[in-house]
C-alpha atoms as a PDB file:
ATOM      1  CA  MET A   1      43.791-207.400  72.653  1.00  0.00           C
ATOM      2  CA  THR A   2      43.570-206.450  75.858  1.00  0.00           C
ATOM      3  CA  ASN A   3      42.019-208.308  78.466  1.00  0.00           C
ATOM      4  CA  LYS A   4      39.108-205.319  78.576  1.00  0.00           C
ATOM      5  CA  GLN A   5      38.593-205.976  74.505  1.00  0.00           C
ATOM      6  CA  ILE A   6      38.400-209.732  74.767  1.00  0.00           C
ATOM      7  CA  ILE A   7      35.698-209.583  77.619  1.00  0.00           C
ATOM      8  CA  ARG A   8      33.688-207.104  75.508  1.00  0.00           C
ATOM      9  CA  ALA A   9      34.022-209.377  72.542  1.00  0.00           C
ATOM     10  CA  ALA A  10      33.069-212.711  74.910  1.00  0.00           C
ATOM     11  CA  ALA A  11      29.905-210.606  76.331  1.00  0.00           C
ATOM     12  CA  GLU A  12      28.554-210.441  72.676  1.00  0.00           C
ATOM     13  CA  ARG A  13      28.188-213.898  72.859  1.00  0.00           C
ATOM     14  CA  LEU A  14      25.217-213.450  75.578  1.00  0.00           C
ATOM     15  CA  ASP A  15      21.755-213.006  74.840  1.00  0.00           C
ATOM     16  CA  PRO A  16      20.309-209.111  74.762  1.00  0.00           C
ATOM     17  CA  ALA A  17      18.056-210.196  77.710  1.00  0.00           C
ATOM     18  CA  THR A  18      20.996-211.097  80.048  1.00  0.00           C
ATOM     19  CA  LEU A  19      23.219-207.739  78.703  1.00  0.00           C
ATOM     20  CA  HIS A  20      20.417-205.536  78.904  1.00  0.00           C
ATOM     21  CA  GLN A  21      19.733-207.282  82.965  1.00  0.00           C
ATOM     22  CA  ILE A  22      23.668-206.149  83.792  1.00  0.00           C
ATOM     23  CA  ALA A  23      23.442-202.824  81.725  1.00  0.00           C
ATOM     24  CA  ALA A  24      20.548-201.740  83.414  1.00  0.00           C
ATOM     25  CA  VAL A  25      22.384-202.335  87.048  1.00  0.00           C
ATOM     26  CA  TYR A  26      23.948-199.156  87.187  1.00  0.00           C
ATOM     27  CA  HIS A  27      22.266-197.112  84.084  1.00  0.00           C
ATOM     28  CA  THR A  28      18.882-195.898  83.090  1.00  0.00           C
ATOM     29  CA  PRO A  29      17.238-196.065  79.872  1.00  0.00           C
ATOM     30  CA  GLU A  30      17.239-192.766  78.872  1.00  0.00           C
ATOM     31  CA  GLU A  31      21.563-192.644  79.928  1.00  0.00           C
ATOM     32  CA  ILE A  32      21.569-195.718  77.638  1.00  0.00           C
ATOM     33  CA  ALA A  33      20.022-193.891  74.898  1.00  0.00           C
ATOM     34  CA  ALA A  34      22.319-190.666  75.361  1.00  0.00           C
ATOM     35  CA  VAL A  35      25.623-192.671  74.683  1.00  0.00           C
ATOM     36  CA  ALA A  36      24.189-194.607  71.998  1.00  0.00           C
ATOM     37  CA  ALA A  37      23.092-191.374  70.023  1.00  0.00           C
ATOM     38  CA  SER A  38      26.500-189.671  70.572  1.00  0.00           C
ATOM     39  CA  CYS A  39      28.871-192.650  69.578  1.00  0.00           C
ATOM     40  CA  LYS A  40      29.485-194.807  66.145  1.00  0.00           C
ATOM     41  CA  ILE A  41      30.803-198.228  65.941  1.00  0.00           C
ATOM     42  CA  VAL A  42      32.967-199.951  63.405  1.00  0.00           C
ATOM     43  CA  ASP A  43      31.425-203.191  61.874  1.00  0.00           C
ATOM     44  CA  LYS A  44      33.523-206.232  60.989  1.00  0.00           C
ATOM     45  CA  ASP A  45      34.010-204.608  57.827  1.00  0.00           C
ATOM     46  CA  GLY A  46      35.379-201.829  59.055  1.00  0.00           C
ATOM     47  CA  ASN A  47      32.752-199.302  57.883  1.00  0.00           C
ATOM     48  CA  GLU A  48      31.589-196.778  60.554  1.00  0.00           C
ATOM     49  CA  LYS A  49      27.739-196.951  61.460  1.00  0.00           C
ATOM     50  CA  PRO A  50      25.292-194.976  64.311  1.00  0.00           C
ATOM     51  CA  ALA A  51      25.242-197.057  67.592  1.00  0.00           C
ATOM     52  CA  THR A  52      22.454-198.656  68.264  1.00  0.00           C
ATOM     53  CA  ALA A  53      20.834-199.042  72.544  1.00  0.00           C
ATOM     54  CA  ALA A  54      22.057-202.723  71.932  1.00  0.00           C
ATOM     55  CA  ASP A  55      25.594-201.778  71.169  1.00  0.00           C
ATOM     56  CA  ILE A  56      25.945-199.816  74.398  1.00  0.00           C
ATOM     57  CA  GLU A  57      24.464-202.455  76.589  1.00  0.00           C
ATOM     58  CA  ILE A  58      26.664-204.691  75.237  1.00  0.00           C
ATOM     59  CA  MET A  59      29.765-202.025  76.351  1.00  0.00           C
ATOM     60  CA  PHE A  60      28.580-200.789  79.774  1.00  0.00           C
ATOM     61  CA  ALA A  61      27.861-204.940  80.379  1.00  0.00           C
ATOM     62  CA  ALA A  62      31.194-206.151  79.350  1.00  0.00           C
ATOM     63  CA  ASP A  63      32.147-203.719  82.555  1.00  0.00           C
ATOM     64  CA  GLU A  64      30.116-205.494  85.026  1.00  0.00           C
ATOM     65  CA  LEU A  65      32.329-209.044  84.319  1.00  0.00           C
ATOM     66  CA  HIS A  66      35.283-210.097  86.370  1.00  0.00           C
ATOM     67  CA  THR A  67      36.862-212.852  86.951  1.00  0.00           C
ATOM     68  CA  PHE A  68      36.063-214.406  90.935  1.00  0.00           C
ATOM     69  CA  ASP A  69      40.067-213.132  91.988  1.00  0.00           C
ATOM     70  CA  TYR A  70      38.682-209.697  91.287  1.00  0.00           C
ATOM     71  CA  TRP A  71      35.151-209.826  92.752  1.00  0.00           C
ATOM     72  CA  LYS A  72      37.270-210.713  95.588  1.00  0.00           C
ATOM     73  CA  LYS A  73      39.753-208.408  96.053  1.00  0.00           C
ATOM     74  CA  GLU A  74      36.545-206.013  95.301  1.00  0.00           C
ATOM     75  CA  GLY A  75      35.431-207.171  98.754  1.00  0.00           C
ATOM     76  CA  LYS A  76      32.272-209.351  97.005  1.00  0.00           C
ATOM     77  CA  SER A  77      31.901-213.049  97.075  1.00  0.00           C
ATOM     78  CA  VAL A  78      30.233-214.640  94.061  1.00  0.00           C
ATOM     79  CA  LYS A  79      26.605-216.156  95.140  1.00  0.00           C
ATOM     80  CA  LYS A  80      26.374-219.500  96.339  1.00  0.00           C
ATOM     81  CA  GLY A  81      25.127-222.120  93.440  1.00  0.00           C
ATOM     82  CA  GLU A  82      25.813-219.509  90.831  1.00  0.00           C
ATOM     83  CA  LYS A  83      27.941-220.304  87.840  1.00  0.00           C
ATOM     84  CA  ALA A  84      29.908-218.706  85.292  1.00  0.00           C
ATOM     85  CA  LEU A  85      28.356-216.470  82.224  1.00  0.00           C
ATOM     86  CA  LEU A  86      31.257-216.412  80.599  1.00  0.00           C
ATOM     87  CA  GLU A  87      34.392-218.475  79.851  1.00  0.00           C
ATOM     88  CA  CYS A  88      37.340-216.374  78.004  1.00  0.00           C
ATOM     89  CA  TYR A  89      41.421-216.269  77.801  1.00  0.00           C
ATOM     90  CA  LEU A  90      43.080-213.547  79.466  1.00  0.00           C
ATOM     91  CA  TRP A  91      46.053-212.388  79.872  1.00  0.00           C
ATOM     92  CA  LYS A  92      48.194-213.026  83.458  1.00  0.00           C
ATOM     93  CA  TYR A  93      51.455-211.232  84.560  1.00  0.00           C
ATOM     94  CA  THR A  94      53.836-213.770  85.840  1.00  0.00           C
ATOM     95  CA  THR A  95      57.714-212.856  86.509  1.00  0.00           C
ATOM     96  CA  LYS A  96      58.336-216.731  87.240  1.00  0.00           C
ATOM     97  CA  PRO A  97      60.655-218.175  84.538  1.00  0.00           C
ATOM     98  CA  SER A  98      59.149-220.590  82.141  1.00  0.00           C
ATOM     99  CA  LYS A  99      59.424-223.840  82.396  1.00  0.00           C
ATOM    100  CA  GLU A 100      62.494-224.710  79.705  1.00  0.00           C
ATOM    101  CA  GLN A 101      64.158-221.714  81.464  1.00  0.00           C
ATOM    102  CA  ARG A 102      64.042-223.271  85.146  1.00  0.00           C
ATOM    103  CA  GLU A 103      65.407-227.021  83.128  1.00  0.00           C
ATOM    104  CA  LYS A 104      67.912-224.645  81.192  1.00  0.00           C
ATOM    105  CA  ALA A 105      69.229-223.107  84.051  1.00  0.00           C
ATOM    106  CA  ALA A 106      69.172-226.589  86.503  1.00  0.00           C
ATOM    107  CA  ALA A 107      70.939-227.629  83.912  1.00  0.00           C
ATOM    108  CA  GLU A 108      74.156-224.891  83.923  1.00  0.00           C
ATOM    109  CA  GLY A 109      73.775-225.379  88.126  1.00  0.00           C
ATOM    110  CA  LYS A 110      72.212-221.777  88.202  1.00  0.00           C
ATOM    111  CA  GLU A 111      69.482-220.432  89.005  1.00  0.00           C
ATOM    112  CA  ALA A 112      66.599-219.184  86.345  1.00  0.00           C
ATOM    113  CA  ALA A 113      66.258-215.818  86.294  1.00  0.00           C
ATOM    114  CA  PRO A 114      63.140-213.807  86.864  1.00  0.00           C
ATOM    115  CA  ASP A 115      61.206-213.603  83.500  1.00  0.00           C
ATOM    116  CA  PRO A 116      58.092-210.815  83.589  1.00  0.00           C
ATOM    117  CA  HIS A 117      56.242-211.510  80.803  1.00  0.00           C
ATOM    118  CA  TYR A 118      52.067-211.790  80.061  1.00  0.00           C
ATOM    119  CA  TYR A 119      50.437-215.373  79.317  1.00  0.00           C
ATOM    120  CA  PRO A 120      46.871-216.635  78.973  1.00  0.00           C
ATOM    121  CA  THR A 121      45.055-218.714  81.258  1.00  0.00           C
ATOM    122  CA  LYS A 122      41.538-219.768  81.251  1.00  0.00           C
ATOM    123  CA  SER A 123      38.641-217.525  82.916  1.00  0.00           C
ATOM    124  CA  HIS A 124      35.491-217.453  84.470  1.00  0.00           C
ATOM    125  CA  LEU A 125      33.685-214.821  84.492  1.00  0.00           C
ATOM    126  CA  PHE A 126      30.710-213.356  86.706  1.00  0.00           C
ATOM    127  CA  SER A 127      28.423-210.603  86.091  1.00  0.00           C
ATOM    128  CA  CYS A 128      27.631-208.585  89.163  1.00  0.00           C
ATOM    129  CA  LEU A 129      24.250-209.777  89.856  1.00  0.00           C
ATOM    130  CA  GLN A 130      25.306-213.015  90.655  1.00  0.00           C
ATOM    131  CA  VAL A 131      28.010-211.228  93.732  1.00  0.00           C
ATOM    132  CA  GLU A 132      27.502-210.173  97.000  1.00  0.00           C
ATOM    133  CA  SER A 133      29.428-208.125  99.958  1.00  0.00           C
ATOM    134  CA  SER A 134      31.302-210.318 101.511  1.00  0.00           C
ATOM    135  CA  LYS A 135      32.678-207.022 104.306  1.00  0.00           C
ATOM    136  CA  PRO A 136      31.120-204.088 104.765  1.00  0.00           C
ATOM    137  CA  ALA A 137      31.274-201.233 101.963  1.00  0.00           C
ATOM    138  CA  PRO A 138      33.891-198.166 103.778  1.00  0.00           C
ATOM    139  CA  GLN A 139      32.409-195.460 104.783  1.00  0.00           C
ATOM    140  CA  ALA A 140      33.249-192.187 103.572  1.00  0.00           C
ATOM    141  CA  ARG A 141      35.119-190.580 106.148  1.00  0.00           C
ATOM    142  CA  PHE A 142      33.761-186.861 105.848  1.00  0.00           C
ATOM    143  CA  LYS A 143      30.282-186.148 103.771  1.00  0.00           C
ATOM    144  CA  SER A 144      30.271-182.300 103.803  1.00  0.00           C
ATOM    145  CA  THR A 145      33.226-179.602 104.599  1.00  0.00           C
ATOM    146  CA  ALA A 146      31.063-178.684 107.418  1.00  0.00           C
ATOM    147  CA  GLU A 147      31.561-181.889 108.944  1.00  0.00           C
ATOM    148  CA  ILE A 148      35.451-181.282 108.303  1.00  0.00           C
ATOM    149  CA  ILE A 149      35.069-178.334 109.779  1.00  0.00           C
ATOM    150  CA  ALA A 150      33.371-179.987 113.013  1.00  0.00           C
ATOM    151  CA  TYR A 151      35.658-182.527 113.131  1.00  0.00           C
ATOM    152  CA  ASN A 152      38.919-179.755 112.994  1.00  0.00           C
ATOM    153  CA  LYS A 153      36.906-177.901 116.170  1.00  0.00           C
ATOM    154  CA  GLN A 154      36.886-181.558 117.776  1.00  0.00           C
ATOM    155  CA  LEU A 155      40.010-181.990 117.589  1.00  0.00           C
ATOM    156  CA  ALA A 156      41.003-178.090 118.860  1.00  0.00           C
ATOM    157  CA  ALA A 157      38.860-178.619 121.579  1.00  0.00           C
ATOM    158  CA  GLU A 158      40.456-181.803 122.649  1.00  0.00           C
ATOM    159  CA  ARG A 159      44.117-179.913 122.297  1.00  0.00           C
ATOM    160  CA  LYS A 160      42.746-177.320 124.439  1.00  0.00           C
ATOM    161  CA  ALA A 161      41.605-179.523 127.177  1.00  0.00           C
ATOM    162  CA  ALA A 162      44.836-181.770 127.300  1.00  0.00           C
ATOM    163  CA  LYS A 163      47.351-178.193 127.319  1.00  0.00           C
ATOM    164  CA  GLU A 164      44.638-176.685 130.447  1.00  0.00           C
ATOM    165  CA  ALA A 165      45.184-180.231 132.131  1.00  0.00           C
ATOM    166  CA  ALA A 166      49.118-180.276 132.196  1.00  0.00           C
ATOM    167  CA  ALA A 167      49.017-176.776 133.388  1.00  0.00           C
ATOM    168  CA  LYS A 168      47.210-177.749 136.269  1.00  0.00           C
ATOM    169  CA  ALA A 169      49.482-180.794 137.132  1.00  0.00           C
ATOM    170  CA  ALA A 170      52.068-178.196 136.697  1.00  0.00           C
ATOM    171  CA  ALA A 171      50.579-175.693 138.584  1.00  0.00           C
ATOM    172  CA  GLU A 172      50.159-178.401 141.510  1.00  0.00           C
ATOM    173  CA  ALA A 173      53.740-179.420 141.320  1.00  0.00           C
ATOM    174  CA  ALA A 174      54.898-176.078 141.906  1.00  0.00           C
ATOM    175  CA  ARG A 175      53.214-175.541 145.433  1.00  0.00           C
ATOM    176  CA  PRO A 176      55.641-174.904 148.510  1.00  0.00           C
ATOM    177  CA  ALA A 177      55.656-177.580 151.041  1.00  0.00           C
ATOM    178  CA  PRO A 178      54.075-177.375 154.203  1.00  0.00           C
ATOM    179  CA  ILE A 179      55.799-175.935 157.391  1.00  0.00           C
ATOM    180  CA  VAL A 180      56.272-179.010 159.685  1.00  0.00           C
ATOM    181  CA  VAL A 181      55.936-178.107 163.410  1.00  0.00           C
ATOM    182  CA  GLU A 182      56.631-180.681 166.039  1.00  0.00           C
ATOM    183  CA  GLU A 183      55.597-181.143 169.652  1.00  0.00           C
ATOM    184  CA  HIS A 184      58.349-181.579 172.125  1.00  0.00           C
ATOM    185  CA  HIS A 185      56.842-182.268 175.957  1.00  0.00           C
ATOM    186  CA  GLU A 186      60.186-181.840 177.057  1.00  0.00           C
ATOM    187  CA  LEU A 187      59.886-178.531 176.727  1.00  0.00           C
ATOM    188  CA  PRO A 188      57.312-175.577 177.663  1.00  0.00           C
ATOM    189  CA  GLU A 189      56.841-174.206 173.877  1.00  0.00           C
ATOM    190  CA  LEU A 190      56.277-175.670 170.754  1.00  0.00           C
ATOM    191  CA  VAL A 191      59.314-175.086 168.356  1.00  0.00           C
ATOM    192  CA  HIS A 192      58.875-173.723 164.932  1.00  0.00           C
ATOM    193  CA  VAL A 193      60.858-175.892 162.262  1.00  0.00           C
ATOM    194  CA  GLU A 194      61.699-174.462 159.424  1.00  0.00           C
ATOM    195  CA  PRO A 195      61.079-176.242 156.021  1.00  0.00           C
ATOM    196  CA  LEU A 196      64.506-177.079 154.072  1.00  0.00           C
ATOM    197  CA  PRO A 197      64.661-174.196 151.169  1.00  0.00           C
ATOM    198  CA  THR A 198      63.544-175.801 147.927  1.00  0.00           C
ATOM    199  CA  LYS A 199      64.248-174.557 144.552  1.00  0.00           C
ATOM    200  CA  PRO A 200      60.618-173.972 142.758  1.00  0.00           C
ATOM    201  CA  ALA A 201      60.169-175.860 140.021  1.00  0.00           C
ATOM    202  CA  PRO A 202      60.370-173.982 136.693  1.00  0.00           C
ATOM    203  CA  LYS A 203      57.275-173.183 135.083  1.00  0.00           C
ATOM    204  CA  LYS A 204      55.665-174.593 132.127  1.00  0.00           C
ATOM    205  CA  SER A 205      54.927-171.787 129.372  1.00  0.00           C
ATOM    206  CA  ARG A 206      51.454-171.695 128.360  1.00  0.00           C
ATOM    207  CA  THR A 207      52.817-170.850 124.785  1.00  0.00           C
ATOM    208  CA  THR A 208      54.330-173.281 122.174  1.00  0.00           C
ATOM    209  CA  LYS A 209      55.701-171.949 119.052  1.00  0.00           C
ATOM    210  CA  LYS A 210      53.343-173.659 116.657  1.00  0.00           C
ATOM    211  CA  PRO A 211      55.818-175.110 113.183  1.00  0.00           C
ATOM    212  CA  ALA A 212      55.514-173.131 110.176  1.00  0.00           C
ATOM    213  CA  ALA A 213      52.473-174.827 107.984  1.00  0.00           C
ATOM    214  CA  VAL A 214      54.239-176.789 104.418  1.00  0.00           C
ATOM    215  CA  ALA A 215      51.882-175.005 101.399  1.00  0.00           C
ATOM    216  CA  VAL A 216      50.814-177.430  98.918  1.00  0.00           C
ATOM    217  CA  ASP A 217      50.589-176.429  95.836  1.00  0.00           C
ATOM    218  CA  MET A 218      47.041-178.245  94.720  1.00  0.00           C
ATOM    219  CA  GLU A 219      47.993-177.446  90.622  1.00  0.00           C
ATOM    220  CA  GLU A 220      51.337-180.023  91.299  1.00  0.00           C
ATOM    221  CA  LEU A 221      49.097-182.347  93.904  1.00  0.00           C
ATOM    222  CA  GLU A 222      46.130-182.960  91.639  1.00  0.00           C
ATOM    223  CA  PRO A 223      48.322-184.406  88.953  1.00  0.00           C
ATOM    224  CA  VAL A 224      50.407-186.715  91.223  1.00  0.00           C
ATOM    225  CA  PHE A 225      47.556-187.877  93.200  1.00  0.00           C
ATOM    226  CA  GLU A 226      45.569-189.063  89.523  1.00  0.00           C
ATOM    227  CA  LYS A 227      48.752-191.218  88.467  1.00  0.00           C
ATOM    228  CA  TRP A 228      48.655-193.060  91.739  1.00  0.00           C
ATOM    229  CA  TYR A 229      44.841-193.093  91.655  1.00  0.00           C
ATOM    230  CA  SER A 230      44.879-194.710  88.074  1.00  0.00           C
ATOM    231  CA  ASN A 231      47.864-197.034  88.965  1.00  0.00           C
ATOM    232  CA  PHE A 232      46.133-198.386  92.021  1.00  0.00           C
ATOM    233  CA  TYR A 233      42.778-198.418  90.016  1.00  0.00           C
ATOM    234  CA  ARG A 234      44.488-201.132  86.848  1.00  0.00           C
ATOM    235  CA  THR A 235      46.647-203.501  89.074  1.00  0.00           C
ATOM    236  CA  HIS A 236      44.670-204.507  91.301  1.00  0.00           C
ATOM    237  CA  ASP A 237      47.653-206.874  93.249  1.00  0.00           C
ATOM    238  CA  ASP A 238      48.844-203.380  94.823  1.00  0.00           C
ATOM    239  CA  ASN A 239      45.705-203.033  96.595  1.00  0.00           C
ATOM    240  CA  ASP A 240      47.128-206.079  99.320  1.00  0.00           C
ATOM    241  CA  SER A 241      50.462-204.828  98.644  1.00  0.00           C
ATOM    242  CA  LYS A 242      52.603-203.297 101.786  1.00  0.00           C
ATOM    243  CA  GLU A 243      52.699-200.268 100.935  1.00  0.00           C
ATOM    244  CA  TYR A 244      49.290-199.313 100.514  1.00  0.00           C
ATOM    245  CA  ARG A 245      48.214-200.821 103.534  1.00  0.00           C
ATOM    246  CA  GLU A 246      50.347-198.274 105.315  1.00  0.00           C
ATOM    247  CA  ALA A 247      49.436-195.323 102.835  1.00  0.00           C
ATOM    248  CA  VAL A 248      45.587-195.685 104.003  1.00  0.00           C
ATOM    249  CA  LYS A 249      46.428-196.646 107.707  1.00  0.00           C
ATOM    250  CA  THR A 250      48.611-193.277 107.634  1.00  0.00           C
ATOM    251  CA  PHE A 251      45.950-191.355 105.936  1.00  0.00           C
ATOM    252  CA  ASP A 252      43.419-192.756 108.898  1.00  0.00           C
ATOM    253  CA  GLN A 253      46.013-191.864 111.577  1.00  0.00           C
ATOM    254  CA  LYS A 254      47.298-188.153 110.421  1.00  0.00           C
ATOM    255  CA  SER A 255      43.647-187.167 109.581  1.00  0.00           C
ATOM    256  CA  LYS A 256      42.524-187.764 113.478  1.00  0.00           C
ATOM    257  CA  ASN A 257      45.986-186.848 114.795  1.00  0.00           C
ATOM    258  CA  ASP A 258      47.774-183.984 113.235  1.00  0.00           C
ATOM    259  CA  PRO A 259      46.005-180.501 112.220  1.00  0.00           C
ATOM    260  CA  GLU A 260      48.265-179.760 109.419  1.00  0.00           C
ATOM    261  CA  PHE A 261      47.996-183.134 107.068  1.00  0.00           C
ATOM    262  CA  SER A 262      43.648-182.023 107.676  1.00  0.00           C
ATOM    263  CA  SER A 263      44.161-179.047 106.479  1.00  0.00           C
ATOM    264  CA  ILE A 264      45.744-180.326 103.437  1.00  0.00           C
ATOM    265  CA  VAL A 265      43.170-182.355 103.233  1.00  0.00           C
ATOM    266  CA  GLN A 266      40.626-180.429 102.955  1.00  0.00           C
ATOM    267  CA  GLN A 267      42.374-177.665 100.352  1.00  0.00           C
ATOM    268  CA  PHE A 268      42.731-180.717  98.075  1.00  0.00           C
ATOM    269  CA  THR A 269      39.014-181.417  99.034  1.00  0.00           C
ATOM    270  CA  ASN A 270      38.112-177.769  97.847  1.00  0.00           C
ATOM    271  CA  HIS A 271      40.328-177.463  94.873  1.00  0.00           C
ATOM    272  CA  ARG A 272      38.860-180.472  93.781  1.00  0.00           C
ATOM    273  CA  CYS A 273      34.736-180.106  95.142  1.00  0.00           C
ATOM    274  CA  ASP A 274      35.200-183.643  96.399  1.00  0.00           C
ATOM    275  CA  PHE A 275      35.773-186.241  98.974  1.00  0.00           C
ATOM    276  CA  ILE A 276      38.421-187.835  99.678  1.00  0.00           C
ATOM    277  CA  SER A 277      35.992-191.142 100.551  1.00  0.00           C
ATOM    278  CA  SER A 278      37.804-194.270  99.410  1.00  0.00           C
ATOM    279  CA  ASP A 279      41.027-196.228 100.286  1.00  0.00           C
ATOM    280  CA  ARG A 280      42.047-196.282  96.965  1.00  0.00           C
ATOM    281  CA  GLU A 281      42.073-192.080  96.994  1.00  0.00           C
ATOM    282  CA  ALA A 282      43.776-191.851 100.651  1.00  0.00           C
ATOM    283  CA  ALA A 283      46.400-194.149  99.638  1.00  0.00           C
ATOM    284  CA  ALA A 284      46.732-191.958  96.067  1.00  0.00           C
ATOM    285  CA  PHE A 285      46.817-188.925  98.168  1.00  0.00           C
ATOM    286  CA  VAL A 286      49.261-190.142 100.738  1.00  0.00           C
ATOM    287  CA  MET A 287      51.832-191.631  98.076  1.00  0.00           C
ATOM    288  CA  ALA A 288      51.717-188.197  95.876  1.00  0.00           C
ATOM    289  CA  LEU A 289      52.398-185.864  99.079  1.00  0.00           C
ATOM    290  CA  ASP A 290      55.449-188.126  99.580  1.00  0.00           C
ATOM    291  CA  GLU A 291      56.391-187.824  96.311  1.00  0.00           C
ATOM    292  CA  LEU A 292      56.670-184.161  96.541  1.00  0.00           C
ATOM    293  CA  ASN A 293      57.776-183.959  99.895  1.00  0.00           C
ATOM    294  CA  HIS A 294      60.526-185.993  98.504  1.00  0.00           C
ATOM    295  CA  LYS A 295      61.221-183.542  95.559  1.00  0.00           C
ATOM    296  CA  ARG A 296      60.926-180.541  97.871  1.00  0.00           C
ATOM    297  CA  ASN A 297      63.827-182.126  99.868  1.00  0.00           C
ATOM    298  CA  ALA A 298      66.186-183.667  97.387  1.00  0.00           C
ATOM    299  CA  PRO A 299      69.501-182.252  97.311  1.00  0.00           C
ATOM    300  CA  GLU A 300      71.355-180.132  94.900  1.00  0.00           C
ATOM    301  CA  MET A 301      73.767-182.298  93.190  1.00  0.00           C
ATOM    302  CA  VAL A 302      77.787-180.833  93.851  1.00  0.00           C
ATOM    303  CA  PRO A 303      79.433-180.309  90.470  1.00  0.00           C
ATOM    304  CA  SER A 304      81.809-182.778  89.646  1.00  0.00           C
ATOM    305  CA  VAL A 305      85.702-183.208  88.971  1.00  0.00           C
ATOM    306  CA  GLN A 306      85.249-182.537  84.927  1.00  0.00           C
ATOM    307  CA  GLN A 307      82.992-179.458  86.125  1.00  0.00           C
ATOM    308  CA  LEU A 308      86.058-177.931  88.104  1.00  0.00           C
ATOM    309  CA  ASP A 309      87.872-174.793  86.647  1.00  0.00           C
ATOM    310  CA  PHE A 310      90.946-175.919  87.402  1.00  0.00           C
ATOM    311  CA  GLU A 311      93.026-172.955  86.449  1.00  0.00           C
ATOM    312  CA  SER A 312      90.437-170.367  87.703  1.00  0.00           C
ATOM    313  CA  ILE A 313      90.985-171.737  91.415  1.00  0.00           C
ATOM    314  CA  ALA A 314      94.835-172.228  91.061  1.00  0.00           C
ATOM    315  CA  ALA A 315      94.936-167.972  89.152  1.00  0.00           C
ATOM    316  CA  ASN A 316      93.075-166.889  92.489  1.00  0.00           C
ATOM    317  CA  LEU A 317      95.138-168.857  95.083  1.00  0.00           C
ATOM    318  CA  LEU A 318      98.877-167.670  93.331  1.00  0.00           C
ATOM    319  CA  ALA A 319      96.620-163.681  93.306  1.00  0.00           C
END
């Protein structure tokens, strides 16, 4: 059984009132009834029968039962005084070798090799009603397409102002040196001293050639994005990895400073009819875009020696 199946089986031990209270946090009675009407369940004897509202409430409540570590990764903390609703054994992944493997390797004077495997460990489960936010929820970067357009206009105005400031500074630097006049008291007239000839500073071009925009196929990008997002969602350890944090940081920086990147984000938003509003989505977008760029820039394979036709080459040389 998977951890999800184990938790769902354990949830059946809770009383119906508790299950209803947990399920009702994110689902209305109408939604629960509609799901029940469209589902069937298989009992312990293997017989199929229509699902009831109670069956669906067990399923929904089980989805809101998690360990202390899981809630911590989601930015939640268990409320003071709360006790675990359930105890059960869940599968946990590790790469550490077992005690027997370590002892055997030590006897041979070697270091035990990593041993990736899952093992059951006793776990305590808390519901969504027993936790609270330990840090502010991340705000959505953009609430509408209009905000994205306004943000892009703001960036364009800032670039224009910076360009005008640079041109003004260049014009100030290009002004000719003032004429110097010295007065000699021993002479009856003023002596006019011409300034040394100076080479005018080169004028900076007001126009810069913009790099050609990189075309990104949204139909190709979307499944790669979904793959990375699913990976981050299922494997919660990735949320603390350096690769994950760097991807989120890259998304934030490029959204503010890279117009081409912001344009691709806007195209992807319009294609999916949904905004990138969470750190997982931001990290998945950056990883997917990097993967496509890597495939696009990969060099073509050079033919191996066995593929070369030496007889044809020799004939051409002798001809």
